[in-house]
Amino acid sequence: MSLMLSKTTFQKTLLACAASAWILLALFALGWTEKIDGTAGAAVHPPVLLQAFKQKQRFAALDPSRPTLIMLVHPQCPCSRASLTELNRLAALCPSKANLWVLFLRPAGCPEAFADTDLRRQAQAIPGVSVATDDNGDAAKRLGAATSGETLLYAPDGRLLFHGGLTGSRGHEGDNPGLSAALARLRGEASPAAMPVYGCPLTTDRTRSHCKISTPRKISRSIT
């Protein structure tokens, strides 16, 4: 009888330990996910005065009659779905108030299909948004953008009005300080000029490893 009781007690103890270990593992995973979701991208210093892009690039030219908003997106970044959703909200709340652009990264050596994802089609579906490919990340380099979802708002005379993200954390939609600040700046109201960006890095070794890399071109860092 005592042997049977000892066996039963051992089994209960083993089950309790397994349950405790599972709970601890789940809590750790949840905490790690929240840490990642709440970790902002690298701080950037975009040009405070931007002249029109070179004509040969044929995108994101400053509009002389309204602000120009540029969002840079990594086409393989799942977090950026939320950024584009918030951009859609901004476009709906301020229709025709800004010259809206979304630029999708295509690293050197990558095929055009690299930038042709469902995120691009999501951007194309936003009313008033122009979509283009940022070949070799030239625009991202010029604008100092390091994280997918980085959004920059420039006045018609080229003055930087706002830069940052439109989401409150990675992949999370809904009201947040970044979207509110961008909307306020677009309306000419006082608000923070910079907010954190939550998303995947625009350029990493992993990104480049997805493609056959050609000899990189020398990039000019001029903002003129």
C-alpha atoms as a PDB file:
ATOM      1  CA  MET A   1       0.000   0.000   0.000  1.00  0.00           C
ATOM      2  CA  SER A   2       2.775   2.444   0.937  1.00  0.00           C
ATOM      3  CA  LEU A   3       4.540   1.637  -2.336  1.00  0.00           C
ATOM      4  CA  MET A   4       1.406   2.472  -4.304  1.00  0.00           C
ATOM      5  CA  LEU A   5       1.002   5.747  -2.379  1.00  0.00           C
ATOM      6  CA  SER A   6       4.618   6.666  -3.027  1.00  0.00           C
ATOM      7  CA  LYS A   7       4.177   5.974  -6.741  1.00  0.00           C
ATOM      8  CA  THR A   8       1.012   8.076  -6.868  1.00  0.00           C
ATOM      9  CA  THR A   9       2.677  10.915  -4.963  1.00  0.00           C
ATOM     10  CA  PHE A  10       5.646  10.789  -7.306  1.00  0.00           C
ATOM     11  CA  GLN A  11       3.387  10.966 -10.356  1.00  0.00           C
ATOM     12  CA  LYS A  12       1.494  13.958  -8.916  1.00  0.00           C
ATOM     13  CA  THR A  13       4.740  15.710  -8.082  1.00  0.00           C
ATOM     14  CA  LEU A  14       6.079  15.053 -11.576  1.00  0.00           C
ATOM     15  CA  LEU A  15       2.894  16.427 -13.154  1.00  0.00           C
ATOM     16  CA  ALA A  16       3.027  19.504 -10.912  1.00  0.00           C
ATOM     17  CA  CYS A  17       6.650  20.157 -11.871  1.00  0.00           C
ATOM     18  CA  ALA A  18       5.856  19.750 -15.568  1.00  0.00           C
ATOM     19  CA  ALA A  19       2.919  22.142 -15.280  1.00  0.00           C
ATOM     20  CA  SER A  20       5.047  24.683 -13.440  1.00  0.00           C
ATOM     21  CA  ALA A  21       7.790  24.424 -16.054  1.00  0.00           C
ATOM     22  CA  TRP A  22       5.245  24.922 -18.852  1.00  0.00           C
ATOM     23  CA  ILE A  23       3.796  28.000 -17.152  1.00  0.00           C
ATOM     24  CA  LEU A  24       7.256  29.489 -16.626  1.00  0.00           C
ATOM     25  CA  LEU A  25       8.155  28.819 -20.262  1.00  0.00           C
ATOM     26  CA  ALA A  26       4.912  30.426 -21.453  1.00  0.00           C
ATOM     27  CA  LEU A  27       5.503  33.493 -19.280  1.00  0.00           C
ATOM     28  CA  PHE A  28       9.071  33.780 -20.560  1.00  0.00           C
ATOM     29  CA  ALA A  29       7.894  33.535 -24.175  1.00  0.00           C
ATOM     30  CA  LEU A  30       5.196  36.132 -23.549  1.00  0.00           C
ATOM     31  CA  GLY A  31       7.670  38.486 -21.915  1.00  0.00           C
ATOM     32  CA  TRP A  32      10.176  38.021 -24.726  1.00  0.00           C
ATOM     33  CA  THR A  33       7.484  38.705 -27.342  1.00  0.00           C
ATOM     34  CA  GLU A  34       6.394  41.853 -25.532  1.00  0.00           C
ATOM     35  CA  LYS A  35      10.022  42.960 -25.296  1.00  0.00           C
ATOM     36  CA  ILE A  36      10.504  42.514 -29.044  1.00  0.00           C
ATOM     37  CA  ASP A  37       7.175  44.192 -29.865  1.00  0.00           C
ATOM     38  CA  GLY A  38       8.085  47.153 -27.704  1.00  0.00           C
ATOM     39  CA  THR A  39      11.666  47.562 -28.940  1.00  0.00           C
ATOM     40  CA  ALA A  40      12.011  50.537 -31.245  1.00  0.00           C
ATOM     41  CA  GLY A  41      14.271  50.623 -34.287  1.00  0.00           C
ATOM     42  CA  ALA A  42      17.573  52.455 -34.406  1.00  0.00           C
ATOM     43  CA  ALA A  43      17.453  56.206 -33.872  1.00  0.00           C
ATOM     44  CA  VAL A  44      17.950  58.170 -37.085  1.00  0.00           C
ATOM     45  CA  HIS A  45      18.802  61.710 -38.120  1.00  0.00           C
ATOM     46  CA  PRO A  46      17.033  62.496 -41.388  1.00  0.00           C
ATOM     47  CA  PRO A  47      17.832  65.639 -43.385  1.00  0.00           C
ATOM     48  CA  VAL A  48      16.153  68.642 -41.751  1.00  0.00           C
ATOM     49  CA  LEU A  49      15.934  70.301 -45.159  1.00  0.00           C
ATOM     50  CA  LEU A  50      15.203  68.180 -48.198  1.00  0.00           C
ATOM     51  CA  GLN A  51      15.341  69.379 -51.753  1.00  0.00           C
ATOM     52  CA  ALA A  52      13.575  67.463 -54.494  1.00  0.00           C
ATOM     53  CA  PHE A  53      14.925  64.025 -55.363  1.00  0.00           C
ATOM     54  CA  LYS A  54      16.940  63.816 -58.540  1.00  0.00           C
ATOM     55  CA  GLN A  55      14.693  63.709 -61.580  1.00  0.00           C
ATOM     56  CA  LYS A  56      16.042  60.335 -62.716  1.00  0.00           C
ATOM     57  CA  GLN A  57      14.567  58.710 -59.612  1.00  0.00           C
ATOM     58  CA  ARG A  58      11.088  59.914 -60.570  1.00  0.00           C
ATOM     59  CA  PHE A  59       9.552  59.506 -57.145  1.00  0.00           C
ATOM     60  CA  ALA A  60       8.919  61.338 -53.908  1.00  0.00           C
ATOM     61  CA  ALA A  61       9.372  64.790 -55.455  1.00  0.00           C
ATOM     62  CA  LEU A  62       8.285  67.511 -53.043  1.00  0.00           C
ATOM     63  CA  ASP A  63       4.845  68.942 -53.737  1.00  0.00           C
ATOM     64  CA  PRO A  64       4.937  72.773 -53.825  1.00  0.00           C
ATOM     65  CA  SER A  65       1.353  73.074 -52.611  1.00  0.00           C
ATOM     66  CA  ARG A  66       1.128  70.564 -49.741  1.00  0.00           C
ATOM     67  CA  PRO A  67       3.345  68.491 -47.423  1.00  0.00           C
ATOM     68  CA  THR A  68       4.996  65.327 -48.724  1.00  0.00           C
ATOM     69  CA  LEU A  69       4.885  62.179 -46.586  1.00  0.00           C
ATOM     70  CA  ILE A  70       7.274  59.311 -47.344  1.00  0.00           C
ATOM     71  CA  MET A  71       7.094  55.874 -45.705  1.00  0.00           C
ATOM     72  CA  LEU A  72       9.931  53.399 -46.281  1.00  0.00           C
ATOM     73  CA  VAL A  73       9.032  49.716 -46.073  1.00  0.00           C
ATOM     74  CA  HIS A  74      10.875  46.418 -46.187  1.00  0.00           C
ATOM     75  CA  PRO A  75       8.653  44.242 -48.421  1.00  0.00           C
ATOM     76  CA  GLN A  76       9.304  41.140 -46.287  1.00  0.00           C
ATOM     77  CA  CYS A  77       8.546  42.762 -42.907  1.00  0.00           C
ATOM     78  CA  PRO A  78       5.334  41.429 -41.300  1.00  0.00           C
ATOM     79  CA  CYS A  79       5.328  44.309 -38.797  1.00  0.00           C
ATOM     80  CA  SER A  80       4.800  46.783 -41.620  1.00  0.00           C
ATOM     81  CA  ARG A  81       1.280  45.566 -42.310  1.00  0.00           C
ATOM     82  CA  ALA A  82       0.206  47.548 -39.248  1.00  0.00           C
ATOM     83  CA  SER A  83       2.212  50.587 -40.405  1.00  0.00           C
ATOM     84  CA  LEU A  84       0.391  50.556 -43.737  1.00  0.00           C
ATOM     85  CA  THR A  85      -2.945  50.148 -41.951  1.00  0.00           C
ATOM     86  CA  GLU A  86      -2.201  53.272 -39.923  1.00  0.00           C
ATOM     87  CA  LEU A  87      -1.132  55.106 -43.082  1.00  0.00           C
ATOM     88  CA  ASN A  88      -4.512  54.195 -44.546  1.00  0.00           C
ATOM     89  CA  ARG A  89      -6.163  55.738 -41.485  1.00  0.00           C
ATOM     90  CA  LEU A  90      -4.083  58.898 -41.878  1.00  0.00           C
ATOM     91  CA  ALA A  91      -5.069  59.146 -45.554  1.00  0.00           C
ATOM     92  CA  ALA A  92      -8.737  58.739 -44.653  1.00  0.00           C
ATOM     93  CA  LEU A  93      -8.608  61.335 -41.877  1.00  0.00           C
ATOM     94  CA  CYS A  94      -6.721  63.888 -43.989  1.00  0.00           C
ATOM     95  CA  PRO A  95      -7.722  63.213 -47.596  1.00  0.00           C
ATOM     96  CA  SER A  96      -5.625  65.089 -50.159  1.00  0.00           C
ATOM     97  CA  LYS A  97      -3.774  66.926 -47.374  1.00  0.00           C
ATOM     98  CA  ALA A  98      -0.421  65.389 -48.269  1.00  0.00           C
ATOM     99  CA  ASN A  99       1.545  63.994 -51.177  1.00  0.00           C
ATOM    100  CA  LEU A 100       1.790  60.376 -49.985  1.00  0.00           C
ATOM    101  CA  TRP A 101       4.536  57.963 -51.012  1.00  0.00           C
ATOM    102  CA  VAL A 102       5.486  54.422 -49.955  1.00  0.00           C
ATOM    103  CA  LEU A 103       8.917  53.215 -51.056  1.00  0.00           C
ATOM    104  CA  PHE A 104       9.690  49.489 -50.966  1.00  0.00           C
ATOM    105  CA  LEU A 105      13.289  48.378 -50.498  1.00  0.00           C
ATOM    106  CA  ARG A 106      14.964  46.265 -53.193  1.00  0.00           C
ATOM    107  CA  PRO A 107      18.603  45.519 -52.318  1.00  0.00           C
ATOM    108  CA  ALA A 108      21.223  45.388 -55.059  1.00  0.00           C
ATOM    109  CA  GLY A 109      21.137  42.049 -56.859  1.00  0.00           C
ATOM    110  CA  CYS A 110      17.587  41.180 -55.819  1.00  0.00           C
ATOM    111  CA  PRO A 111      14.970  40.455 -58.491  1.00  0.00           C
ATOM    112  CA  GLU A 112      11.986  42.769 -58.895  1.00  0.00           C
ATOM    113  CA  ALA A 113       9.805  40.090 -57.289  1.00  0.00           C
ATOM    114  CA  PHE A 114      11.585  40.743 -53.981  1.00  0.00           C
ATOM    115  CA  ALA A 115       9.655  44.009 -53.614  1.00  0.00           C
ATOM    116  CA  ASP A 116       6.422  42.670 -55.123  1.00  0.00           C
ATOM    117  CA  THR A 117       4.635  41.313 -52.056  1.00  0.00           C
ATOM    118  CA  ASP A 118       1.200  41.559 -50.480  1.00  0.00           C
ATOM    119  CA  LEU A 119       2.480  44.587 -48.547  1.00  0.00           C
ATOM    120  CA  ARG A 120       3.006  46.423 -51.835  1.00  0.00           C
ATOM    121  CA  ARG A 121      -0.537  45.596 -52.902  1.00  0.00           C
ATOM    122  CA  GLN A 122      -1.809  46.793 -49.529  1.00  0.00           C
ATOM    123  CA  ALA A 123      -0.035  50.110 -50.094  1.00  0.00           C
ATOM    124  CA  GLN A 124      -1.360  50.398 -53.644  1.00  0.00           C
ATOM    125  CA  ALA A 125      -4.895  50.046 -52.301  1.00  0.00           C
ATOM    126  CA  ILE A 126      -4.590  53.147 -50.091  1.00  0.00           C
ATOM    127  CA  PRO A 127      -6.341  56.117 -51.757  1.00  0.00           C
ATOM    128  CA  GLY A 128      -3.963  58.849 -52.859  1.00  0.00           C
ATOM    129  CA  VAL A 129      -0.765  56.864 -52.237  1.00  0.00           C
ATOM    130  CA  SER A 130       1.964  56.537 -54.859  1.00  0.00           C
ATOM    131  CA  VAL A 131       4.127  53.405 -54.620  1.00  0.00           C
ATOM    132  CA  ALA A 132       7.681  52.976 -55.925  1.00  0.00           C
ATOM    133  CA  THR A 133      10.689  50.699 -55.502  1.00  0.00           C
ATOM    134  CA  ASP A 134      13.724  51.960 -53.603  1.00  0.00           C
ATOM    135  CA  ASP A 135      16.476  50.283 -55.622  1.00  0.00           C
ATOM    136  CA  ASN A 136      19.561  49.501 -53.545  1.00  0.00           C
ATOM    137  CA  GLY A 137      17.988  51.399 -50.644  1.00  0.00           C
ATOM    138  CA  ASP A 138      19.217  54.709 -52.100  1.00  0.00           C
ATOM    139  CA  ALA A 139      16.253  56.703 -50.780  1.00  0.00           C
ATOM    140  CA  ALA A 140      16.483  55.077 -47.348  1.00  0.00           C
ATOM    141  CA  LYS A 141      20.168  55.981 -47.144  1.00  0.00           C
ATOM    142  CA  ARG A 142      19.521  59.518 -48.249  1.00  0.00           C
ATOM    143  CA  LEU A 143      16.700  59.967 -45.751  1.00  0.00           C
ATOM    144  CA  GLY A 144      18.628  58.272 -42.934  1.00  0.00           C
ATOM    145  CA  ALA A 145      15.938  55.603 -42.487  1.00  0.00           C
ATOM    146  CA  ALA A 146      16.968  52.375 -40.743  1.00  0.00           C
ATOM    147  CA  THR A 147      13.654  50.695 -39.831  1.00  0.00           C
ATOM    148  CA  SER A 148      10.717  49.500 -41.912  1.00  0.00           C
ATOM    149  CA  GLY A 149       7.772  51.825 -41.332  1.00  0.00           C
ATOM    150  CA  GLU A 150       9.925  54.944 -40.934  1.00  0.00           C
ATOM    151  CA  THR A 151       7.741  57.874 -41.970  1.00  0.00           C
ATOM    152  CA  LEU A 152       8.960  61.357 -42.840  1.00  0.00           C
ATOM    153  CA  LEU A 153       6.811  64.427 -43.380  1.00  0.00           C
ATOM    154  CA  TYR A 154       8.294  67.392 -45.248  1.00  0.00           C
ATOM    155  CA  ALA A 155       6.780  70.834 -45.797  1.00  0.00           C
ATOM    156  CA  PRO A 156       6.491  72.144 -49.377  1.00  0.00           C
ATOM    157  CA  ASP A 157       9.693  74.154 -48.855  1.00  0.00           C
ATOM    158  CA  GLY A 158      11.576  71.002 -47.772  1.00  0.00           C
ATOM    159  CA  ARG A 159      11.565  71.537 -44.001  1.00  0.00           C
ATOM    160  CA  LEU A 160      11.290  68.356 -41.929  1.00  0.00           C
ATOM    161  CA  LEU A 161       8.025  68.445 -39.970  1.00  0.00           C
ATOM    162  CA  PHE A 162       7.942  64.923 -38.509  1.00  0.00           C
ATOM    163  CA  HIS A 163       9.783  61.619 -38.576  1.00  0.00           C
ATOM    164  CA  GLY A 164       9.043  58.347 -36.820  1.00  0.00           C
ATOM    165  CA  GLY A 165       6.593  55.463 -36.848  1.00  0.00           C
ATOM    166  CA  LEU A 166       2.815  55.346 -37.114  1.00  0.00           C
ATOM    167  CA  THR A 167       2.369  52.391 -34.733  1.00  0.00           C
ATOM    168  CA  GLY A 168       2.739  52.065 -30.974  1.00  0.00           C
ATOM    169  CA  SER A 169       4.683  48.784 -31.170  1.00  0.00           C
ATOM    170  CA  ARG A 170       5.643  46.144 -33.714  1.00  0.00           C
ATOM    171  CA  GLY A 171       2.693  44.887 -35.729  1.00  0.00           C
ATOM    172  CA  HIS A 172       0.084  46.533 -33.495  1.00  0.00           C
ATOM    173  CA  GLU A 173      -2.727  48.611 -34.983  1.00  0.00           C
ATOM    174  CA  GLY A 174      -4.855  51.250 -33.265  1.00  0.00           C
ATOM    175  CA  ASP A 175      -4.555  54.733 -31.810  1.00  0.00           C
ATOM    176  CA  ASN A 176      -1.011  55.572 -30.774  1.00  0.00           C
ATOM    177  CA  PRO A 177       1.222  58.623 -30.166  1.00  0.00           C
ATOM    178  CA  GLY A 178       3.083  58.273 -33.478  1.00  0.00           C
ATOM    179  CA  LEU A 179      -0.038  58.438 -35.632  1.00  0.00           C
ATOM    180  CA  SER A 180      -1.448  61.264 -33.508  1.00  0.00           C
ATOM    181  CA  ALA A 181       1.765  63.284 -33.834  1.00  0.00           C
ATOM    182  CA  ALA A 182       1.907  62.824 -37.617  1.00  0.00           C
ATOM    183  CA  LEU A 183      -1.747  63.833 -37.985  1.00  0.00           C
ATOM    184  CA  ALA A 184      -1.241  66.915 -35.829  1.00  0.00           C
ATOM    185  CA  ARG A 185       1.815  67.996 -37.803  1.00  0.00           C
ATOM    186  CA  LEU A 186      -0.078  67.474 -41.040  1.00  0.00           C
ATOM    187  CA  ARG A 187      -2.850  69.724 -39.736  1.00  0.00           C
ATOM    188  CA  GLY A 188      -0.379  72.385 -38.638  1.00  0.00           C
ATOM    189  CA  GLU A 189      -0.893  71.705 -34.931  1.00  0.00           C
ATOM    190  CA  ALA A 190       1.760  71.500 -32.222  1.00  0.00           C
ATOM    191  CA  SER A 191       3.010  67.960 -31.548  1.00  0.00           C
ATOM    192  CA  PRO A 192       6.279  66.012 -31.102  1.00  0.00           C
ATOM    193  CA  ALA A 193       8.452  66.190 -34.210  1.00  0.00           C
ATOM    194  CA  ALA A 194       9.951  62.726 -33.679  1.00  0.00           C
ATOM    195  CA  MET A 195       8.577  59.382 -32.499  1.00  0.00           C
ATOM    196  CA  PRO A 196      10.004  55.838 -32.221  1.00  0.00           C
ATOM    197  CA  VAL A 197       9.691  53.435 -35.155  1.00  0.00           C
ATOM    198  CA  TYR A 198       8.691  49.808 -34.627  1.00  0.00           C
ATOM    199  CA  GLY A 199       9.569  47.361 -37.380  1.00  0.00           C
ATOM    200  CA  CYS A 200      12.243  45.216 -38.999  1.00  0.00           C
ATOM    201  CA  PRO A 201      15.617  46.678 -39.985  1.00  0.00           C
ATOM    202  CA  LEU A 202      15.580  47.928 -43.561  1.00  0.00           C
ATOM    203  CA  THR A 203      19.012  46.527 -44.376  1.00  0.00           C
ATOM    204  CA  THR A 204      20.644  43.499 -42.769  1.00  0.00           C
ATOM    205  CA  ASP A 205      22.954  40.671 -43.822  1.00  0.00           C
ATOM    206  CA  ARG A 206      19.920  38.380 -43.750  1.00  0.00           C
ATOM    207  CA  THR A 207      18.093  40.641 -46.206  1.00  0.00           C
ATOM    208  CA  ARG A 208      21.023  40.563 -48.601  1.00  0.00           C
ATOM    209  CA  SER A 209      21.411  36.788 -48.282  1.00  0.00           C
ATOM    210  CA  HIS A 210      17.976  36.261 -49.857  1.00  0.00           C
ATOM    211  CA  CYS A 211      19.342  37.469 -53.203  1.00  0.00           C
ATOM    212  CA  LYS A 212      22.332  36.981 -55.417  1.00  0.00           C
ATOM    213  CA  ILE A 213      24.288  40.086 -54.510  1.00  0.00           C
ATOM    214  CA  SER A 214      25.924  42.080 -57.276  1.00  0.00           C
ATOM    215  CA  THR A 215      28.851  44.454 -56.800  1.00  0.00           C
ATOM    216  CA  PRO A 216      27.490  47.274 -54.629  1.00  0.00           C
ATOM    217  CA  ARG A 217      27.388  50.724 -56.137  1.00  0.00           C
ATOM    218  CA  LYS A 218      28.952  53.749 -54.460  1.00  0.00           C
ATOM    219  CA  ILE A 219      26.201  55.743 -52.787  1.00  0.00           C
ATOM    220  CA  SER A 220      26.239  59.515 -52.611  1.00  0.00           C
ATOM    221  CA  ARG A 221      25.244  60.888 -49.232  1.00  0.00           C
ATOM    222  CA  SER A 222      24.351  64.314 -50.579  1.00  0.00           C
ATOM    223  CA  ILE A 223      20.890  65.572 -49.728  1.00  0.00           C
ATOM    224  CA  THR A 224      20.777  68.098 -52.545  1.00  0.00           C
END
